Amino acid sequence: AFLTITAFGVAASTLCGQYLGARRPDLATRSARTAWLLGAAFLSLLGLVLFTQGRSMFQFFLAGRQNEVLEEGVAVLRIVALAMPALATINVLNGTLNGAGDTRWPWMITMSGYLLVRIPLTYVLTTPTAQGGWGLGLKGAWLAMFADLYVRAVLVAGRFLQRGWLSTRV
């Protein structure tokens, strides 16, 4: 999933840069939207498979009775499955903005997501309840990632939809 959506992001970056260099912002926007739609559709479909078939996938790799590992793995895989549309949005639109030369926004959004959402939320969600946290363990770490991805997806989509990236000078 991660390599595939990275390819969509690289393609969006390349096409966007080429079309803006050719002074065709209409085609840059169109190619970005197409890559976004295709990437989101592909990862959403993959997410559906992971969500519905996660148990079978984990059982294939587990030998014997490892129910605790199976249950934890399936729960985490479902969180990852639900994060797929956000992951697609981030990769494709960050690629688009970078291809346009608008590199500052993707960097600020990424750093803000990590420093203000993912890291603090991971701490709170994984810290044992006796120490003031929620005690969710591994699931908590993945829920923090989920929250970070959706916050960043909304922010990068907002930047893309504002269309300021179309007038970036390189």
C-alpha atoms as a PDB file:
ATOM      1  CA  ALA A   1       0.000   0.000   0.000  1.00  0.00           C
ATOM      2  CA  PHE A   2       2.707   2.451   1.001  1.00  0.00           C
ATOM      3  CA  LEU A   3       4.858   1.911  -2.085  1.00  0.00           C
ATOM      4  CA  THR A   4       1.868   2.042  -4.404  1.00  0.00           C
ATOM      5  CA  ILE A   5       0.552   5.329  -3.076  1.00  0.00           C
ATOM      6  CA  THR A   6       4.065   6.762  -3.102  1.00  0.00           C
ATOM      7  CA  ALA A   7       4.094   6.047  -6.843  1.00  0.00           C
ATOM      8  CA  PHE A   8       0.852   8.015  -7.231  1.00  0.00           C
ATOM      9  CA  GLY A   9       2.453  10.905  -5.336  1.00  0.00           C
ATOM     10  CA  VAL A  10       5.575  10.862  -7.504  1.00  0.00           C
ATOM     11  CA  ALA A  11       3.452  10.770 -10.660  1.00  0.00           C
ATOM     12  CA  ALA A  12       1.347  13.694  -9.420  1.00  0.00           C
ATOM     13  CA  SER A  13       4.498  15.632  -8.576  1.00  0.00           C
ATOM     14  CA  THR A  14       6.037  15.043 -11.992  1.00  0.00           C
ATOM     15  CA  LEU A  15       2.897  15.827 -13.969  1.00  0.00           C
ATOM     16  CA  CYS A  16       2.144  18.901 -11.920  1.00  0.00           C
ATOM     17  CA  GLY A  17       5.657  20.277 -12.395  1.00  0.00           C
ATOM     18  CA  GLN A  18       5.599  19.536 -16.119  1.00  0.00           C
ATOM     19  CA  TYR A  19       2.204  21.120 -16.702  1.00  0.00           C
ATOM     20  CA  LEU A  20       2.949  24.205 -14.642  1.00  0.00           C
ATOM     21  CA  GLY A  21       6.252  24.589 -16.499  1.00  0.00           C
ATOM     22  CA  ALA A  22       4.278  24.440 -19.748  1.00  0.00           C
ATOM     23  CA  ARG A  23       1.947  27.131 -18.338  1.00  0.00           C
ATOM     24  CA  ARG A  24      -1.016  24.752 -18.222  1.00  0.00           C
ATOM     25  CA  PRO A  25      -2.389  25.078 -14.683  1.00  0.00           C
ATOM     26  CA  ASP A  26      -5.646  23.522 -15.865  1.00  0.00           C
ATOM     27  CA  LEU A  27      -3.852  20.282 -16.746  1.00  0.00           C
ATOM     28  CA  ALA A  28      -1.805  20.406 -13.542  1.00  0.00           C
ATOM     29  CA  THR A  29      -5.011  20.608 -11.516  1.00  0.00           C
ATOM     30  CA  ARG A  30      -6.693  17.920 -13.581  1.00  0.00           C
ATOM     31  CA  SER A  31      -3.781  15.493 -13.278  1.00  0.00           C
ATOM     32  CA  ALA A  32      -3.592  16.087  -9.526  1.00  0.00           C
ATOM     33  CA  ARG A  33      -7.304  15.469  -9.072  1.00  0.00           C
ATOM     34  CA  THR A  34      -7.115  12.326 -11.203  1.00  0.00           C
ATOM     35  CA  ALA A  35      -4.151  10.965  -9.235  1.00  0.00           C
ATOM     36  CA  TRP A  36      -5.923  11.836  -5.974  1.00  0.00           C
ATOM     37  CA  LEU A  37      -9.123  10.081  -7.049  1.00  0.00           C
ATOM     38  CA  LEU A  38      -7.347   6.979  -8.369  1.00  0.00           C
ATOM     39  CA  GLY A  39      -5.027   6.765  -5.371  1.00  0.00           C
ATOM     40  CA  ALA A  40      -7.856   7.182  -2.883  1.00  0.00           C
ATOM     41  CA  ALA A  41      -9.993   4.624  -4.714  1.00  0.00           C
ATOM     42  CA  PHE A  42      -7.155   2.101  -4.819  1.00  0.00           C
ATOM     43  CA  LEU A  43      -6.237   2.495  -1.151  1.00  0.00           C
ATOM     44  CA  SER A  44      -9.884   2.518  -0.085  1.00  0.00           C
ATOM     45  CA  LEU A  45     -10.386  -0.777  -1.889  1.00  0.00           C
ATOM     46  CA  LEU A  46      -7.257  -2.163  -0.263  1.00  0.00           C
ATOM     47  CA  GLY A  47      -8.498  -0.856   3.088  1.00  0.00           C
ATOM     48  CA  LEU A  48     -11.783  -2.682   2.581  1.00  0.00           C
ATOM     49  CA  VAL A  49      -9.896  -5.926   1.956  1.00  0.00           C
ATOM     50  CA  LEU A  50      -7.701  -5.387   5.022  1.00  0.00           C
ATOM     51  CA  PHE A  51     -10.714  -4.556   7.178  1.00  0.00           C
ATOM     52  CA  THR A  52     -12.804  -7.529   6.098  1.00  0.00           C
ATOM     53  CA  GLN A  53     -10.065 -10.119   5.562  1.00  0.00           C
ATOM     54  CA  GLY A  54      -7.566  -9.073   8.236  1.00  0.00           C
ATOM     55  CA  ARG A  55      -8.243 -12.072  10.448  1.00  0.00           C
ATOM     56  CA  SER A  56      -7.548 -14.525   7.615  1.00  0.00           C
ATOM     57  CA  MET A  57      -4.404 -12.653   6.676  1.00  0.00           C
ATOM     58  CA  PHE A  58      -3.069 -12.784  10.230  1.00  0.00           C
ATOM     59  CA  GLN A  59      -3.995 -16.435  10.700  1.00  0.00           C
ATOM     60  CA  PHE A  60      -1.941 -17.287   7.635  1.00  0.00           C
ATOM     61  CA  PHE A  61       1.196 -15.971   9.356  1.00  0.00           C
ATOM     62  CA  LEU A  62       0.481 -17.282  12.846  1.00  0.00           C
ATOM     63  CA  ALA A  63       1.308 -20.842  13.783  1.00  0.00           C
ATOM     64  CA  GLY A  64      -0.589 -22.501  16.598  1.00  0.00           C
ATOM     65  CA  ARG A  65      -2.682 -20.780  19.225  1.00  0.00           C
ATOM     66  CA  GLN A  66      -1.728 -17.161  19.449  1.00  0.00           C
ATOM     67  CA  ASN A  67      -5.152 -15.642  20.012  1.00  0.00           C
ATOM     68  CA  GLU A  68      -3.854 -12.568  21.819  1.00  0.00           C
ATOM     69  CA  VAL A  69      -1.506 -11.732  18.949  1.00  0.00           C
ATOM     70  CA  LEU A  70      -4.283 -12.422  16.448  1.00  0.00           C
ATOM     71  CA  GLU A  71      -6.791 -10.149  18.190  1.00  0.00           C
ATOM     72  CA  GLU A  72      -4.259  -7.331  18.628  1.00  0.00           C
ATOM     73  CA  GLY A  73      -3.094  -7.640  15.021  1.00  0.00           C
ATOM     74  CA  VAL A  74      -6.610  -7.639  13.584  1.00  0.00           C
ATOM     75  CA  ALA A  75      -7.535  -4.560  15.641  1.00  0.00           C
ATOM     76  CA  VAL A  76      -4.460  -2.680  14.426  1.00  0.00           C
ATOM     77  CA  LEU A  77      -4.998  -3.768  10.830  1.00  0.00           C
ATOM     78  CA  ARG A  78      -8.535  -2.385  10.951  1.00  0.00           C
ATOM     79  CA  ILE A  79      -7.231   0.970  12.170  1.00  0.00           C
ATOM     80  CA  VAL A  80      -4.732   0.992   9.299  1.00  0.00           C
ATOM     81  CA  ALA A  81      -7.491   0.028   6.844  1.00  0.00           C
ATOM     82  CA  LEU A  82      -9.612   2.997   7.896  1.00  0.00           C
ATOM     83  CA  ALA A  83      -6.628   5.334   7.498  1.00  0.00           C
ATOM     84  CA  MET A  84      -6.063   4.451   3.834  1.00  0.00           C
ATOM     85  CA  PRO A  85      -8.059   7.345   2.280  1.00  0.00           C
ATOM     86  CA  ALA A  86      -6.142   9.856   4.413  1.00  0.00           C
ATOM     87  CA  LEU A  87      -2.833   8.254   3.475  1.00  0.00           C
ATOM     88  CA  ALA A  88      -3.743   8.537  -0.210  1.00  0.00           C
ATOM     89  CA  THR A  89      -4.713  12.182   0.170  1.00  0.00           C
ATOM     90  CA  ILE A  90      -1.484  13.085   1.942  1.00  0.00           C
ATOM     91  CA  ASN A  91       0.814  11.299  -0.488  1.00  0.00           C
ATOM     92  CA  VAL A  92      -0.814  12.488  -3.697  1.00  0.00           C
ATOM     93  CA  LEU A  93      -1.454  16.082  -2.660  1.00  0.00           C
ATOM     94  CA  ASN A  94       1.943  16.513  -0.991  1.00  0.00           C
ATOM     95  CA  GLY A  95       3.434  15.269  -4.262  1.00  0.00           C
ATOM     96  CA  THR A  96       1.327  17.757  -6.177  1.00  0.00           C
ATOM     97  CA  LEU A  97       2.348  20.690  -4.002  1.00  0.00           C
ATOM     98  CA  ASN A  98       6.011  19.660  -4.078  1.00  0.00           C
ATOM     99  CA  GLY A  99       5.889  19.322  -7.863  1.00  0.00           C
ATOM    100  CA  ALA A 100       4.509  22.850  -8.056  1.00  0.00           C
ATOM    101  CA  GLY A 101       7.394  24.112  -5.935  1.00  0.00           C
ATOM    102  CA  ASP A 102       5.108  24.767  -2.965  1.00  0.00           C
ATOM    103  CA  THR A 103       7.316  22.765  -0.605  1.00  0.00           C
ATOM    104  CA  ARG A 104       6.869  24.870   2.515  1.00  0.00           C
ATOM    105  CA  TRP A 105       3.234  23.871   3.134  1.00  0.00           C
ATOM    106  CA  PRO A 106       3.718  20.097   2.953  1.00  0.00           C
ATOM    107  CA  TRP A 107       6.700  20.407   5.303  1.00  0.00           C
ATOM    108  CA  MET A 108       4.802  22.567   7.813  1.00  0.00           C
ATOM    109  CA  ILE A 109       1.755  20.307   7.702  1.00  0.00           C
ATOM    110  CA  THR A 110       3.863  17.175   8.172  1.00  0.00           C
ATOM    111  CA  MET A 111       5.887  18.594  11.054  1.00  0.00           C
ATOM    112  CA  SER A 112       2.777  20.003  12.736  1.00  0.00           C
ATOM    113  CA  GLY A 113       1.035  16.654  12.442  1.00  0.00           C
ATOM    114  CA  TYR A 114       3.934  14.786  13.990  1.00  0.00           C
ATOM    115  CA  LEU A 115       4.749  17.281  16.730  1.00  0.00           C
ATOM    116  CA  LEU A 116       1.253  18.467  17.670  1.00  0.00           C
ATOM    117  CA  VAL A 117      -0.873  15.378  17.011  1.00  0.00           C
ATOM    118  CA  ARG A 118       0.962  12.072  16.600  1.00  0.00           C
ATOM    119  CA  ILE A 119       3.634  12.288  19.297  1.00  0.00           C
ATOM    120  CA  PRO A 120       1.525  13.830  22.099  1.00  0.00           C
ATOM    121  CA  LEU A 121      -1.460  11.630  21.306  1.00  0.00           C
ATOM    122  CA  THR A 122       0.717   8.510  21.217  1.00  0.00           C
ATOM    123  CA  TYR A 123       2.009   9.387  24.667  1.00  0.00           C
ATOM    124  CA  VAL A 124      -1.480   9.928  26.104  1.00  0.00           C
ATOM    125  CA  LEU A 125      -3.055   6.893  24.465  1.00  0.00           C
ATOM    126  CA  THR A 126      -0.259   4.431  25.267  1.00  0.00           C
ATOM    127  CA  THR A 127       0.638   5.547  28.796  1.00  0.00           C
ATOM    128  CA  PRO A 128      -0.849   3.185  31.409  1.00  0.00           C
ATOM    129  CA  THR A 129      -3.969   4.434  33.189  1.00  0.00           C
ATOM    130  CA  ALA A 130      -2.170   4.291  36.533  1.00  0.00           C
ATOM    131  CA  GLN A 131       0.150   6.990  35.184  1.00  0.00           C
ATOM    132  CA  GLY A 132      -2.620   9.222  33.847  1.00  0.00           C
ATOM    133  CA  GLY A 133      -2.889   7.875  30.300  1.00  0.00           C
ATOM    134  CA  TRP A 134      -5.521   5.845  28.529  1.00  0.00           C
ATOM    135  CA  GLY A 135      -3.554   2.576  28.595  1.00  0.00           C
ATOM    136  CA  LEU A 136      -4.411   1.486  25.055  1.00  0.00           C
ATOM    137  CA  GLY A 137      -0.950   0.126  24.282  1.00  0.00           C
ATOM    138  CA  LEU A 138      -0.288  -0.783  20.663  1.00  0.00           C
ATOM    139  CA  LYS A 139      -3.813   0.180  19.585  1.00  0.00           C
ATOM    140  CA  GLY A 140      -3.273   3.616  21.102  1.00  0.00           C
ATOM    141  CA  ALA A 141      -0.146   4.187  19.031  1.00  0.00           C
ATOM    142  CA  TRP A 142      -1.995   3.271  15.848  1.00  0.00           C
ATOM    143  CA  LEU A 143      -4.998   5.414  16.799  1.00  0.00           C
ATOM    144  CA  ALA A 144      -2.611   8.349  17.199  1.00  0.00           C
ATOM    145  CA  MET A 145      -1.263   7.666  13.714  1.00  0.00           C
ATOM    146  CA  PHE A 146      -4.840   7.501  12.415  1.00  0.00           C
ATOM    147  CA  ALA A 147      -5.676  10.894  13.955  1.00  0.00           C
ATOM    148  CA  ASP A 148      -2.472  12.443  12.621  1.00  0.00           C
ATOM    149  CA  LEU A 149      -3.135  11.188   9.096  1.00  0.00           C
ATOM    150  CA  TYR A 150      -6.660  12.591   9.004  1.00  0.00           C
ATOM    151  CA  VAL A 151      -5.617  15.972  10.418  1.00  0.00           C
ATOM    152  CA  ARG A 152      -2.847  16.240   7.839  1.00  0.00           C
ATOM    153  CA  ALA A 153      -5.139  15.047   5.028  1.00  0.00           C
ATOM    154  CA  VAL A 154      -7.635  17.803   5.807  1.00  0.00           C
ATOM    155  CA  LEU A 155      -4.874  20.427   5.966  1.00  0.00           C
ATOM    156  CA  VAL A 156      -3.136  19.410   2.734  1.00  0.00           C
ATOM    157  CA  ALA A 157      -6.489  19.104   0.932  1.00  0.00           C
ATOM    158  CA  GLY A 158      -7.324  22.607   2.135  1.00  0.00           C
ATOM    159  CA  ARG A 159      -4.060  23.941   0.734  1.00  0.00           C
ATOM    160  CA  PHE A 160      -4.640  22.143  -2.563  1.00  0.00           C
ATOM    161  CA  LEU A 161      -8.215  23.398  -2.893  1.00  0.00           C
ATOM    162  CA  GLN A 162      -7.137  27.001  -2.170  1.00  0.00           C
ATOM    163  CA  ARG A 163      -5.152  26.809  -5.426  1.00  0.00           C
ATOM    164  CA  GLY A 164      -2.340  29.048  -4.155  1.00  0.00           C
ATOM    165  CA  TRP A 165       0.122  26.359  -5.249  1.00  0.00           C
ATOM    166  CA  LEU A 166      -0.696  27.166  -8.890  1.00  0.00           C
ATOM    167  CA  SER A 167       1.092  30.510  -8.642  1.00  0.00           C
ATOM    168  CA  THR A 168       4.205  29.373  -6.774  1.00  0.00           C
ATOM    169  CA  ARG A 169       7.408  30.684  -8.323  1.00  0.00           C
ATOM    170  CA  VAL A 170      10.380  28.366  -8.434  1.00  0.00           C
END
